[in-house]
Every structure is written in structure tokens, then in C-alpha cells.
Amino acid sequence: MAARVPGFAPPESTPRPVSGRLARGMTSTDSLVLAPTADPRTFLAPDGTRLTPPEGWICLPPGDATFTRRVKAAGPSWAVIEKKGRKAFSKGLWAPRANVERVKAMIEAERSTEAYAKKKVADGERRERTQAAYVVDFRSEVLAFLRFSPQWKELGEALARLVAAHATPVGSGTVARTKRIPVEERASAAVIAWMRHQTTAYDDMKIERVKGRRREVRRELAQVSRAVLDLHRRDAPHLVAQCPLCKAVVGIVARERGDVPPS
């Protein structure tokens, strides 16, 4: 059953409020972080209380950080956050309609100016330069992690390019985009992740729904991948056709060149 915020009249369809410390203590100026429920207009407070937005509030969809930040600063708001594992996803920001519309008008006026257009172009160019430099640096870090012998130098360079191309795009959500760990650790993790999907049967595995089992499988496959990498850190030859890494890299490069039809 949903609770209303004191001082606001809920819609007629809103259930009677439930009692609770949060519901009794809230005021019309509260800004809260809530979790979604199956009902798109009912949210869960940290203490378990179910709340519905006050009358006159609307939802601002996620996606425009400036818009969201300014609406939060303009007055009370409810941020609806869905947690999936260690990740959190915004489901929108509820706030008084007047605040949302006032901020929207201000932002639209700012963004219609020539100065804003020039700044946006300059910002985009700067981001492109920064991204291009990061791709180069990340590729170098991958090569440093691989440490392939001269016999496998060409393979290592191709692998570093493929890993960097996969892991560095903005918004990819890969380990290469995190700043929580040093770049050399990002590079090694990105290689192992790439190999997990390209050189093992991980994507087709049916893993038991047991807590920690998927992490255990990933650790096991990582050990196998590291052993494969070690084969290329010494000059001892091996059959390319029997090496999962060689087959994967050669196959992808061949498809890029159009030498073989895509699988």
C-alpha cells in the first residue's frame, strides 16, 4: 500500500497511506532516492514504505545529465534507481511539473544560442581527441601485458588492436572504461574478457544458477586463457590450426579483409 507525502493531495486512485517513520517524517521539500516496483507510479523507500508521487509531479526520463541536475537543484525530487547486482540504473526523476518546465525552458534558451553551438562543437572535438589518445595508450598497455615473443609479434599486434577496438568505445561498459583500477589492470582484464568470448565456449555454456558459480567458471576460463597466452611468450612454435587464440585472431582479421564470408 502506498504512502503519500504530507502536504500533498494524492490522486483519487492512490491507496490509503501506510504508517511508518519515513512517511510521518517526510515534508514537501524532501528529495529521496527510491526503488521501482511493478507499478510505474509506486516506489519503494529504504525502510520498505511504498510511496506514490504527489499530485502535480511528473517524471523526467534519464539521459540528459544537465537537465536532471538542474531539476534536482530547483527543489524536491524523487530519483528512482533500479539496482541489478553491482550496477545501478536510473528510471527517471520525479519532480513538480512547474520545476521541470521552468528548467526545460531555461535550458532550451541556452542551447539555442550560437555560443552554445560553438561550445558543443569544440567539446565534441576535444572528446574525440581524448578518446583517440586513450585508444592508442590502451593498445600499448595491452601489448605490454601480452609480451609476445618476436615469433608471435604480428599476432600480438593484431590481438591488441582487436581488444582495444572492442573495449575502449565510450559507453561500452567494459572494464577499459572504468577508472577504478589502474590502466594496466584494465588492459589485462580486457584481454581475458575478449578471450573468454572469442576463444572459449563461455557464451554457449549452461551455468547452474548457483551463487558464485558464474564467477567460478570465469576464473577457470581465465586460467586457461593465461596458459594460452603463455604459449605465445616464447619462441616455441605450435600449430595455428590447433590454437584457439590464433584461430580466433586470424579468423576475425580475415573477415575484416573480406577474405572469407562472415560466419
C-alpha atoms as a PDB file:
ATOM      1  CA  MET A   1       0.000   0.000   0.000  1.00  0.00           C
ATOM      2  CA  ALA A   2       1.410   3.408  -0.975  1.00  0.00           C
ATOM      3  CA  ALA A   3       2.048   6.295   1.363  1.00  0.00           C
ATOM      4  CA  ARG A   4       1.549   9.938   0.430  1.00  0.00           C
ATOM      5  CA  VAL A   5       3.765  12.846   1.346  1.00  0.00           C
ATOM      6  CA  PRO A   6       2.127  15.112   3.976  1.00  0.00           C
ATOM      7  CA  GLY A   7       1.039  18.395   2.464  1.00  0.00           C
ATOM      8  CA  PHE A   8       0.133  16.927  -0.935  1.00  0.00           C
ATOM      9  CA  ALA A   9      -3.259  15.621  -2.025  1.00  0.00           C
ATOM     10  CA  PRO A  10      -2.856  12.234  -3.757  1.00  0.00           C
ATOM     11  CA  PRO A  11      -4.879  11.264  -6.839  1.00  0.00           C
ATOM     12  CA  GLU A  12      -8.172   9.525  -6.135  1.00  0.00           C
ATOM     13  CA  SER A  13      -6.718   6.225  -7.323  1.00  0.00           C
ATOM     14  CA  THR A  14      -3.888   6.346  -4.760  1.00  0.00           C
ATOM     15  CA  PRO A  15      -4.319   3.771  -1.943  1.00  0.00           C
ATOM     16  CA  ARG A  16      -4.585   4.961   1.631  1.00  0.00           C
ATOM     17  CA  PRO A  17      -1.151   5.764   3.117  1.00  0.00           C
ATOM     18  CA  VAL A  18       0.593   3.308   5.352  1.00  0.00           C
ATOM     19  CA  SER A  19       2.106   4.336   8.651  1.00  0.00           C
ATOM     20  CA  GLY A  20       5.878   4.409   9.084  1.00  0.00           C
ATOM     21  CA  ARG A  21       8.735   6.539  10.274  1.00  0.00           C
ATOM     22  CA  LEU A  22       9.617   7.727   6.778  1.00  0.00           C
ATOM     23  CA  ALA A  23       6.051   8.582   5.841  1.00  0.00           C
ATOM     24  CA  ARG A  24       5.422  10.539   9.051  1.00  0.00           C
ATOM     25  CA  GLY A  25       8.739  12.368   8.916  1.00  0.00           C
ATOM     26  CA  MET A  26       8.704  13.473   5.288  1.00  0.00           C
ATOM     27  CA  THR A  27       7.902  17.002   4.180  1.00  0.00           C
ATOM     28  CA  SER A  28       7.105  18.635   0.872  1.00  0.00           C
ATOM     29  CA  THR A  29      10.776  19.594   0.449  1.00  0.00           C
ATOM     30  CA  ASP A  30      12.172  16.074   0.672  1.00  0.00           C
ATOM     31  CA  SER A  31      14.470  14.750  -2.064  1.00  0.00           C
ATOM     32  CA  LEU A  32      14.555  10.961  -1.956  1.00  0.00           C
ATOM     33  CA  VAL A  33      16.214   8.018  -3.674  1.00  0.00           C
ATOM     34  CA  LEU A  34      13.663   5.242  -4.213  1.00  0.00           C
ATOM     35  CA  ALA A  35      13.485   1.844  -5.879  1.00  0.00           C
ATOM     36  CA  PRO A  36      10.948   0.952  -8.587  1.00  0.00           C
ATOM     37  CA  THR A  37       8.125  -1.569  -8.194  1.00  0.00           C
ATOM     38  CA  ALA A  38       5.875  -3.361 -10.679  1.00  0.00           C
ATOM     39  CA  ASP A  39       3.556  -0.325 -10.513  1.00  0.00           C
ATOM     40  CA  PRO A  40       5.153   2.546 -12.511  1.00  0.00           C
ATOM     41  CA  ARG A  41       3.716   5.103 -10.072  1.00  0.00           C
ATOM     42  CA  THR A  42       4.625   3.323  -6.842  1.00  0.00           C
ATOM     43  CA  PHE A  43       8.127   3.309  -5.408  1.00  0.00           C
ATOM     44  CA  LEU A  44       9.896   1.672  -2.507  1.00  0.00           C
ATOM     45  CA  ALA A  45      11.644   3.733   0.180  1.00  0.00           C
ATOM     46  CA  PRO A  46      14.720   2.365   2.011  1.00  0.00           C
ATOM     47  CA  ASP A  47      12.598   1.422   5.048  1.00  0.00           C
ATOM     48  CA  GLY A  48      10.129  -0.550   2.906  1.00  0.00           C
ATOM     49  CA  THR A  49       7.427   2.107   2.734  1.00  0.00           C
ATOM     50  CA  ARG A  50       5.621   2.323  -0.593  1.00  0.00           C
ATOM     51  CA  LEU A  51       5.210   5.854  -1.929  1.00  0.00           C
ATOM     52  CA  THR A  52       3.354   7.462  -4.829  1.00  0.00           C
ATOM     53  CA  PRO A  53       4.327  10.838  -6.353  1.00  0.00           C
ATOM     54  CA  PRO A  54       2.489  13.912  -5.083  1.00  0.00           C
ATOM     55  CA  GLU A  55      -0.177  15.421  -7.321  1.00  0.00           C
ATOM     56  CA  GLY A  56       1.344  17.700  -9.936  1.00  0.00           C
ATOM     57  CA  TRP A  57       4.637  15.808 -10.170  1.00  0.00           C
ATOM     58  CA  ILE A  58       5.897  14.365 -13.453  1.00  0.00           C
ATOM     59  CA  CYS A  59       8.728  12.040 -14.427  1.00  0.00           C
ATOM     60  CA  LEU A  60      11.815  13.379 -16.158  1.00  0.00           C
ATOM     61  CA  PRO A  61      13.329  10.477 -18.151  1.00  0.00           C
ATOM     62  CA  PRO A  62      17.063   9.753 -17.762  1.00  0.00           C
ATOM     63  CA  GLY A  63      19.545  10.737 -20.435  1.00  0.00           C
ATOM     64  CA  ASP A  64      20.169  14.474 -20.003  1.00  0.00           C
ATOM     65  CA  ALA A  65      22.526  14.945 -17.060  1.00  0.00           C
ATOM     66  CA  THR A  66      22.346  18.749 -17.127  1.00  0.00           C
ATOM     67  CA  PHE A  67      18.545  18.755 -17.156  1.00  0.00           C
ATOM     68  CA  THR A  68      18.383  16.232 -14.314  1.00  0.00           C
ATOM     69  CA  ARG A  69      20.987  18.062 -12.205  1.00  0.00           C
ATOM     70  CA  ARG A  70      19.189  21.389 -12.512  1.00  0.00           C
ATOM     71  CA  VAL A  71      15.773  19.939 -11.710  1.00  0.00           C
ATOM     72  CA  LYS A  72      17.257  18.400  -8.566  1.00  0.00           C
ATOM     73  CA  ALA A  73      18.685  21.781  -7.589  1.00  0.00           C
ATOM     74  CA  ALA A  74      15.351  23.513  -8.238  1.00  0.00           C
ATOM     75  CA  GLY A  75      13.505  21.805  -5.383  1.00  0.00           C
ATOM     76  CA  PRO A  76      12.204  18.469  -4.066  1.00  0.00           C
ATOM     77  CA  SER A  77      12.588  15.415  -6.277  1.00  0.00           C
ATOM     78  CA  TRP A  78      12.488  11.626  -6.191  1.00  0.00           C
ATOM     79  CA  ALA A  79      15.253   9.770  -8.007  1.00  0.00           C
ATOM     80  CA  VAL A  80      14.106   6.251  -8.949  1.00  0.00           C
ATOM     81  CA  ILE A  81      17.101   3.892  -9.127  1.00  0.00           C
ATOM     82  CA  GLU A  82      16.971   0.206 -10.067  1.00  0.00           C
ATOM     83  CA  LYS A  83      19.872  -1.916  -8.831  1.00  0.00           C
ATOM     84  CA  LYS A  84      20.948  -5.023 -10.726  1.00  0.00           C
ATOM     85  CA  GLY A  85      23.866  -6.673  -8.999  1.00  0.00           C
ATOM     86  CA  ARG A  86      26.532  -4.026  -8.504  1.00  0.00           C
ATOM     87  CA  LYS A  87      25.104  -1.748 -11.205  1.00  0.00           C
ATOM     88  CA  ALA A  88      22.503   0.978 -10.741  1.00  0.00           C
ATOM     89  CA  PHE A  89      20.182   2.237 -13.484  1.00  0.00           C
ATOM     90  CA  SER A  90      18.142   5.436 -13.392  1.00  0.00           C
ATOM     91  CA  LYS A  91      14.436   5.024 -14.055  1.00  0.00           C
ATOM     92  CA  GLY A  92      13.828   8.755 -14.081  1.00  0.00           C
ATOM     93  CA  LEU A  93      13.452  11.705 -11.752  1.00  0.00           C
ATOM     94  CA  TRP A  94      10.052  12.719 -10.353  1.00  0.00           C
ATOM     95  CA  ALA A  95       9.639  16.415  -9.553  1.00  0.00           C
ATOM     96  CA  PRO A  96       6.991  19.159  -9.578  1.00  0.00           C
ATOM     97  CA  ARG A  97       5.829  19.893 -13.134  1.00  0.00           C
ATOM     98  CA  ALA A  98       6.462  23.618 -12.662  1.00  0.00           C
ATOM     99  CA  ASN A  99      10.129  22.997 -11.800  1.00  0.00           C
ATOM    100  CA  VAL A 100      10.651  20.661 -14.745  1.00  0.00           C
ATOM    101  CA  GLU A 101       9.024  23.036 -17.227  1.00  0.00           C
ATOM    102  CA  ARG A 102      10.879  26.090 -15.885  1.00  0.00           C
ATOM    103  CA  VAL A 103      14.252  24.346 -16.106  1.00  0.00           C
ATOM    104  CA  LYS A 104      13.401  22.992 -19.556  1.00  0.00           C
ATOM    105  CA  ALA A 105      12.644  26.496 -20.840  1.00  0.00           C
ATOM    106  CA  MET A 106      15.925  27.825 -19.420  1.00  0.00           C
ATOM    107  CA  ILE A 107      17.972  25.014 -20.974  1.00  0.00           C
ATOM    108  CA  GLU A 108      16.282  25.353 -24.366  1.00  0.00           C
ATOM    109  CA  ALA A 109      17.021  29.090 -24.359  1.00  0.00           C
ATOM    110  CA  GLU A 110      20.685  28.461 -23.519  1.00  0.00           C
ATOM    111  CA  ARG A 111      21.080  25.745 -26.125  1.00  0.00           C
ATOM    112  CA  SER A 112      19.569  27.860 -28.907  1.00  0.00           C
ATOM    113  CA  THR A 113      22.426  30.379 -28.843  1.00  0.00           C
ATOM    114  CA  GLU A 114      25.338  30.488 -31.290  1.00  0.00           C
ATOM    115  CA  ALA A 115      27.804  30.464 -28.395  1.00  0.00           C
ATOM    116  CA  TYR A 116      26.381  27.170 -27.137  1.00  0.00           C
ATOM    117  CA  ALA A 117      26.566  25.637 -30.625  1.00  0.00           C
ATOM    118  CA  LYS A 118      30.252  26.602 -30.924  1.00  0.00           C
ATOM    119  CA  LYS A 119      30.995  25.276 -27.459  1.00  0.00           C
ATOM    120  CA  LYS A 120      29.276  21.964 -28.283  1.00  0.00           C
ATOM    121  CA  VAL A 121      31.365  21.556 -31.432  1.00  0.00           C
ATOM    122  CA  ALA A 122      34.557  22.355 -29.518  1.00  0.00           C
ATOM    123  CA  ASP A 123      33.622  19.936 -26.737  1.00  0.00           C
ATOM    124  CA  GLY A 124      32.943  17.200 -29.274  1.00  0.00           C
ATOM    125  CA  GLU A 125      36.291  17.711 -30.968  1.00  0.00           C
ATOM    126  CA  ARG A 126      38.076  17.646 -27.614  1.00  0.00           C
ATOM    127  CA  ARG A 127      36.335  14.408 -26.642  1.00  0.00           C
ATOM    128  CA  GLU A 128      37.314  12.838 -29.969  1.00  0.00           C
ATOM    129  CA  ARG A 129      40.962  13.768 -29.425  1.00  0.00           C
ATOM    130  CA  THR A 130      40.890  12.456 -25.883  1.00  0.00           C
ATOM    131  CA  GLN A 131      39.258   9.213 -26.995  1.00  0.00           C
ATOM    132  CA  ALA A 132      41.719   8.699 -29.850  1.00  0.00           C
ATOM    133  CA  ALA A 133      44.644   9.208 -27.477  1.00  0.00           C
ATOM    134  CA  TYR A 134      43.164   6.756 -24.975  1.00  0.00           C
ATOM    135  CA  VAL A 135      42.728   4.081 -27.643  1.00  0.00           C
ATOM    136  CA  VAL A 136      46.414   4.414 -28.569  1.00  0.00           C
ATOM    137  CA  ASP A 137      47.517   4.319 -24.929  1.00  0.00           C
ATOM    138  CA  PHE A 138      45.266   1.382 -24.120  1.00  0.00           C
ATOM    139  CA  ARG A 139      46.538  -0.583 -27.094  1.00  0.00           C
ATOM    140  CA  SER A 140      50.092  -0.019 -25.850  1.00  0.00           C
ATOM    141  CA  GLU A 141      49.112  -1.269 -22.397  1.00  0.00           C
ATOM    142  CA  VAL A 142      47.607  -4.393 -23.956  1.00  0.00           C
ATOM    143  CA  LEU A 143      50.832  -5.056 -25.864  1.00  0.00           C
ATOM    144  CA  ALA A 144      52.814  -4.603 -22.663  1.00  0.00           C
ATOM    145  CA  PHE A 145      50.606  -7.159 -20.939  1.00  0.00           C
ATOM    146  CA  LEU A 146      50.849  -9.663 -23.809  1.00  0.00           C
ATOM    147  CA  ARG A 147      54.667  -9.610 -24.003  1.00  0.00           C
ATOM    148  CA  PHE A 148      54.570 -11.935 -27.021  1.00  0.00           C
ATOM    149  CA  SER A 149      57.853 -13.235 -28.357  1.00  0.00           C
ATOM    150  CA  PRO A 150      59.177 -11.910 -31.704  1.00  0.00           C
ATOM    151  CA  GLN A 151      57.812 -15.003 -33.449  1.00  0.00           C
ATOM    152  CA  TRP A 152      54.286 -14.018 -32.412  1.00  0.00           C
ATOM    153  CA  LYS A 153      54.710 -10.230 -32.656  1.00  0.00           C
ATOM    154  CA  GLU A 154      52.298  -9.842 -35.571  1.00  0.00           C
ATOM    155  CA  LEU A 155      49.662 -11.876 -33.769  1.00  0.00           C
ATOM    156  CA  GLY A 156      50.121  -9.777 -30.642  1.00  0.00           C
ATOM    157  CA  GLU A 157      49.703  -6.524 -32.544  1.00  0.00           C
ATOM    158  CA  ALA A 158      46.533  -7.794 -34.190  1.00  0.00           C
ATOM    159  CA  LEU A 159      45.170  -9.001 -30.832  1.00  0.00           C
ATOM    160  CA  ALA A 160      45.951  -5.662 -29.157  1.00  0.00           C
ATOM    161  CA  ARG A 161      44.114  -3.810 -31.920  1.00  0.00           C
ATOM    162  CA  LEU A 162      41.062  -6.070 -31.655  1.00  0.00           C
ATOM    163  CA  VAL A 163      40.905  -5.848 -27.863  1.00  0.00           C
ATOM    164  CA  ALA A 164      41.284  -2.059 -27.893  1.00  0.00           C
ATOM    165  CA  ALA A 165      38.635  -1.664 -30.578  1.00  0.00           C
ATOM    166  CA  HIS A 166      36.204  -3.757 -28.553  1.00  0.00           C
ATOM    167  CA  ALA A 167      36.920  -2.403 -25.086  1.00  0.00           C
ATOM    168  CA  THR A 168      37.542   1.336 -25.480  1.00  0.00           C
ATOM    169  CA  PRO A 169      34.398   2.808 -27.132  1.00  0.00           C
ATOM    170  CA  VAL A 170      32.654   5.355 -24.929  1.00  0.00           C
ATOM    171  CA  GLY A 171      29.556   3.859 -23.356  1.00  0.00           C
ATOM    172  CA  SER A 172      30.644   0.263 -23.982  1.00  0.00           C
ATOM    173  CA  GLY A 173      30.507  -0.515 -20.272  1.00  0.00           C
ATOM    174  CA  THR A 174      33.662  -2.616 -20.498  1.00  0.00           C
ATOM    175  CA  VAL A 175      36.424  -2.755 -17.922  1.00  0.00           C
ATOM    176  CA  ALA A 176      38.522  -0.480 -20.148  1.00  0.00           C
ATOM    177  CA  ARG A 177      36.126   2.395 -19.428  1.00  0.00           C
ATOM    178  CA  THR A 178      36.406   2.233 -15.647  1.00  0.00           C
ATOM    179  CA  LYS A 179      38.768   4.479 -13.719  1.00  0.00           C
ATOM    180  CA  ARG A 180      38.541   2.481 -10.520  1.00  0.00           C
ATOM    181  CA  ILE A 181      41.599   0.386 -11.372  1.00  0.00           C
ATOM    182  CA  PRO A 182      44.970   1.260 -12.982  1.00  0.00           C
ATOM    183  CA  VAL A 183      45.086   1.178 -16.780  1.00  0.00           C
ATOM    184  CA  GLU A 184      47.484  -1.786 -16.819  1.00  0.00           C
ATOM    185  CA  GLU A 185      44.925  -3.832 -14.863  1.00  0.00           C
ATOM    186  CA  ARG A 186      42.197  -2.700 -17.253  1.00  0.00           C
ATOM    187  CA  ALA A 187      44.309  -3.913 -20.170  1.00  0.00           C
ATOM    188  CA  SER A 188      44.897  -7.390 -18.727  1.00  0.00           C
ATOM    189  CA  ALA A 189      41.234  -7.749 -17.725  1.00  0.00           C
ATOM    190  CA  ALA A 190      40.116  -6.654 -21.198  1.00  0.00           C
ATOM    191  CA  VAL A 191      42.316  -9.280 -22.863  1.00  0.00           C
ATOM    192  CA  ILE A 192      40.982 -12.052 -20.640  1.00  0.00           C
ATOM    193  CA  ALA A 193      37.399 -10.904 -21.221  1.00  0.00           C
ATOM    194  CA  TRP A 194      37.930 -10.813 -25.001  1.00  0.00           C
ATOM    195  CA  MET A 195      39.415 -14.310 -24.945  1.00  0.00           C
ATOM    196  CA  ARG A 196      36.577 -15.611 -22.790  1.00  0.00           C
ATOM    197  CA  HIS A 197      34.120 -14.739 -25.533  1.00  0.00           C
ATOM    198  CA  GLN A 198      36.312 -15.448 -28.568  1.00  0.00           C
ATOM    199  CA  THR A 199      38.421 -18.470 -27.624  1.00  0.00           C
ATOM    200  CA  THR A 200      36.253 -20.439 -25.166  1.00  0.00           C
ATOM    201  CA  ALA A 201      32.752 -21.913 -25.143  1.00  0.00           C
ATOM    202  CA  TYR A 202      31.637 -19.482 -22.424  1.00  0.00           C
ATOM    203  CA  ASP A 203      28.850 -17.867 -24.473  1.00  0.00           C
ATOM    204  CA  ASP A 204      27.203 -21.259 -25.075  1.00  0.00           C
ATOM    205  CA  MET A 205      27.679 -22.668 -21.568  1.00  0.00           C
ATOM    206  CA  LYS A 206      24.671 -23.514 -19.440  1.00  0.00           C
ATOM    207  CA  ILE A 207      25.865 -22.442 -15.997  1.00  0.00           C
ATOM    208  CA  GLU A 208      23.963 -23.508 -12.912  1.00  0.00           C
ATOM    209  CA  ARG A 209      22.030 -20.744 -11.184  1.00  0.00           C
ATOM    210  CA  VAL A 210      24.078 -21.048  -8.029  1.00  0.00           C
ATOM    211  CA  LYS A 211      25.540 -18.015  -6.302  1.00  0.00           C
ATOM    212  CA  GLY A 212      29.175 -17.618  -7.235  1.00  0.00           C
ATOM    213  CA  ARG A 213      29.151 -20.348  -9.888  1.00  0.00           C
ATOM    214  CA  ARG A 214      29.441 -17.978 -12.876  1.00  0.00           C
ATOM    215  CA  ARG A 215      32.338 -16.183 -11.196  1.00  0.00           C
ATOM    216  CA  GLU A 216      33.998 -19.545 -10.576  1.00  0.00           C
ATOM    217  CA  VAL A 217      33.607 -20.526 -14.233  1.00  0.00           C
ATOM    218  CA  ARG A 218      35.141 -17.228 -15.307  1.00  0.00           C
ATOM    219  CA  ARG A 219      38.128 -17.805 -13.045  1.00  0.00           C
ATOM    220  CA  GLU A 220      38.644 -21.275 -14.505  1.00  0.00           C
ATOM    221  CA  LEU A 221      38.455 -19.973 -18.070  1.00  0.00           C
ATOM    222  CA  ALA A 222      40.819 -17.117 -17.194  1.00  0.00           C
ATOM    223  CA  GLN A 223      43.437 -19.663 -16.116  1.00  0.00           C
ATOM    224  CA  VAL A 224      43.064 -21.449 -19.446  1.00  0.00           C
ATOM    225  CA  SER A 225      43.366 -18.149 -21.336  1.00  0.00           C
ATOM    226  CA  ARG A 226      46.515 -17.189 -19.444  1.00  0.00           C
ATOM    227  CA  ALA A 227      48.039 -20.559 -20.299  1.00  0.00           C
ATOM    228  CA  VAL A 228      47.262 -19.931 -23.984  1.00  0.00           C
ATOM    229  CA  LEU A 229      48.871 -16.503 -23.763  1.00  0.00           C
ATOM    230  CA  ASP A 230      51.986 -18.042 -22.224  1.00  0.00           C
ATOM    231  CA  LEU A 231      52.392 -20.209 -25.321  1.00  0.00           C
ATOM    232  CA  HIS A 232      52.991 -17.031 -27.311  1.00  0.00           C
ATOM    233  CA  ARG A 233      55.515 -15.561 -24.889  1.00  0.00           C
ATOM    234  CA  ARG A 234      58.182 -17.969 -26.015  1.00  0.00           C
ATOM    235  CA  ASP A 235      59.503 -18.779 -29.462  1.00  0.00           C
ATOM    236  CA  ALA A 236      58.469 -22.429 -29.393  1.00  0.00           C
ATOM    237  CA  PRO A 237      56.235 -22.998 -32.453  1.00  0.00           C
ATOM    238  CA  HIS A 238      52.806 -24.597 -32.307  1.00  0.00           C
ATOM    239  CA  LEU A 239      50.103 -25.484 -34.811  1.00  0.00           C
ATOM    240  CA  VAL A 240      47.995 -22.404 -35.544  1.00  0.00           C
ATOM    241  CA  ALA A 241      45.023 -24.568 -36.504  1.00  0.00           C
ATOM    242  CA  GLN A 242      45.009 -26.090 -33.013  1.00  0.00           C
ATOM    243  CA  CYS A 243      45.468 -22.829 -31.090  1.00  0.00           C
ATOM    244  CA  PRO A 244      42.179 -21.170 -30.077  1.00  0.00           C
ATOM    245  CA  LEU A 245      43.793 -17.730 -29.920  1.00  0.00           C
ATOM    246  CA  CYS A 246      45.482 -17.963 -33.305  1.00  0.00           C
ATOM    247  CA  LYS A 247      42.305 -19.290 -34.895  1.00  0.00           C
ATOM    248  CA  ALA A 248      40.189 -16.511 -33.386  1.00  0.00           C
ATOM    249  CA  VAL A 249      42.501 -13.650 -34.349  1.00  0.00           C
ATOM    250  CA  VAL A 250      43.262 -14.967 -37.835  1.00  0.00           C
ATOM    251  CA  GLY A 251      39.573 -15.612 -38.465  1.00  0.00           C
ATOM    252  CA  ILE A 252      38.490 -12.125 -37.398  1.00  0.00           C
ATOM    253  CA  VAL A 253      41.234 -10.422 -39.415  1.00  0.00           C
ATOM    254  CA  ALA A 254      40.312 -12.494 -42.468  1.00  0.00           C
ATOM    255  CA  ARG A 255      36.655 -11.461 -42.151  1.00  0.00           C
ATOM    256  CA  GLU A 256      37.681  -7.820 -41.810  1.00  0.00           C
ATOM    257  CA  ARG A 257      39.636  -8.068 -45.053  1.00  0.00           C
ATOM    258  CA  GLY A 258      36.807  -9.869 -46.776  1.00  0.00           C
ATOM    259  CA  ASP A 259      38.920 -12.959 -47.362  1.00  0.00           C
ATOM    260  CA  VAL A 260      36.204 -15.255 -46.019  1.00  0.00           C
ATOM    261  CA  PRO A 261      32.448 -14.838 -45.718  1.00  0.00           C
ATOM    262  CA  PRO A 262      31.290 -13.768 -42.209  1.00  0.00           C
ATOM    263  CA  SER A 263      30.091 -16.684 -40.073  1.00  0.00           C
END
